[in-house]
Amino acid sequence: MIVVIQNLILFDWLRVLQTKKIAFSKQVIGNRSISSMDNDYAKELSNLRKLRATLQAVKESTDKILQDVETVYKNNHPQLLEQSKDLEQTINKVVN
């Protein structure tokens, strides 16, 4: 009878340990996926920052070109001046 009780207690402890092991495994797997998602989000955020910086540089360069165009063609070509302003507005919409 004592052997049966000991076996039941051991079986119960093994079941508890197995349950804890499964729970721990799920937590580790869950933490890996969260960590992986965090890394993916960090990379995406970094890429978006680089893209924004690139767009800002393009905008500044385009603004300078448009300023030159505006200065050169101000009196001679009013239609080109209007088109350059339209281009500037479009770029501002894209960047912002």
Protein backbone atom coordinates (compact mmCIF):
# COMPACT_ATOMS: atom_id res chain seq x y z
CA MET A 1 0.00 0.00 0.00
CA ILE A 2 2.82 2.41 0.86
CA VAL A 3 4.44 1.71 -2.51
CA VAL A 4 1.20 2.59 -4.28
CA ILE A 5 0.93 5.87 -2.38
CA GLN A 6 4.57 6.68 -3.11
CA ASN A 7 3.99 5.95 -6.79
CA LEU A 8 0.90 8.18 -6.83
CA ILE A 9 2.83 11.01 -5.18
CA LEU A 10 5.70 10.58 -7.64
CA PHE A 11 3.28 10.48 -10.54
CA ASP A 12 1.59 13.64 -9.27
CA TRP A 13 4.97 15.42 -8.93
CA LEU A 14 5.99 14.31 -12.42
CA ARG A 15 2.72 15.69 -13.79
CA VAL A 16 3.28 19.03 -12.03
CA LEU A 17 6.86 19.21 -13.28
CA GLN A 18 5.74 18.36 -16.82
CA THR A 19 3.08 21.09 -16.67
CA LYS A 20 5.64 23.63 -15.44
CA LYS A 21 8.06 22.55 -18.16
CA ILE A 22 5.40 23.05 -20.83
CA ALA A 23 4.46 26.44 -19.39
CA PHE A 24 8.13 27.49 -19.30
CA SER A 25 8.64 26.29 -22.89
CA LYS A 26 5.65 28.32 -24.05
CA GLN A 27 6.97 31.37 -22.22
CA VAL A 28 10.41 31.02 -23.82
CA ILE A 29 8.87 30.54 -27.26
CA GLY A 30 6.56 33.47 -26.62
CA ASN A 31 9.45 35.67 -25.53
CA ARG A 32 11.38 34.74 -28.66
CA SER A 33 8.48 35.70 -30.89
CA ILE A 34 7.99 38.97 -29.02
CA SER A 35 11.72 39.65 -29.26
CA SER A 36 11.63 38.80 -32.95
CA MET A 37 8.67 41.12 -33.47
CA ASP A 38 10.48 43.87 -31.55
CA ASN A 39 13.50 43.44 -33.80
CA ASP A 40 11.31 43.56 -36.89
CA TYR A 41 9.59 46.72 -35.66
CA ALA A 42 12.94 48.32 -34.80
CA LYS A 43 14.28 47.54 -38.28
CA GLU A 44 11.12 48.90 -39.89
CA LEU A 45 11.33 52.06 -37.78
CA SER A 46 14.98 52.49 -38.75
CA ASN A 47 14.09 52.04 -42.43
CA LEU A 48 11.28 54.59 -42.13
CA ARG A 49 13.64 57.09 -40.50
CA LYS A 50 16.15 56.60 -43.32
CA LEU A 51 13.39 57.00 -45.89
CA ARG A 52 12.17 60.19 -44.21
CA ALA A 53 15.73 61.59 -44.13
CA THR A 54 16.14 60.73 -47.82
CA LEU A 55 12.85 62.39 -48.70
CA GLN A 56 13.82 65.44 -46.67
CA ALA A 57 17.14 65.67 -48.54
CA VAL A 58 15.31 65.34 -51.87
CA LYS A 59 12.87 68.04 -50.79
CA GLU A 60 15.68 70.42 -49.81
CA SER A 61 17.50 69.76 -53.07
CA THR A 62 14.32 70.26 -55.06
CA ASP A 63 13.53 73.46 -53.15
CA LYS A 64 16.94 74.80 -54.11
CA ILE A 65 16.43 73.86 -57.76
CA LEU A 66 12.96 75.40 -57.75
CA GLN A 67 14.35 78.59 -56.23
CA ASP A 68 16.92 78.75 -59.04
CA VAL A 69 14.24 78.09 -61.65
CA GLU A 70 12.01 80.73 -60.12
CA THR A 71 14.82 83.27 -60.17
CA VAL A 72 15.87 82.55 -63.77
CA TYR A 73 12.44 82.28 -65.36
CA LYS A 74 10.48 84.69 -63.20
CA ASN A 75 9.82 87.23 -65.90
CA ASN A 76 10.44 85.19 -69.05
CA HIS A 77 8.38 82.05 -68.47
CA PRO A 78 5.43 82.46 -66.08
CA GLN A 79 3.99 79.04 -67.05
CA LEU A 80 7.22 77.29 -66.01
CA LEU A 81 7.15 79.21 -62.76
CA GLU A 82 3.62 77.98 -62.08
CA GLN A 83 4.63 74.39 -62.88
CA SER A 84 7.59 74.63 -60.51
CA LYS A 85 5.26 75.78 -57.73
CA ASP A 86 2.93 72.86 -58.46
CA LEU A 87 5.89 70.49 -58.26
CA GLU A 88 6.95 72.00 -54.95
CA GLN A 89 3.44 71.56 -53.52
CA THR A 90 3.34 67.93 -54.65
CA ILE A 91 6.71 67.19 -53.05
CA ASN A 92 5.60 68.85 -49.82
CA LYS A 93 2.51 66.62 -49.76
CA VAL A 94 4.64 63.50 -50.25
CA VAL A 95 7.17 64.44 -47.59
CA ASN A 96 4.67 65.59 -45.01
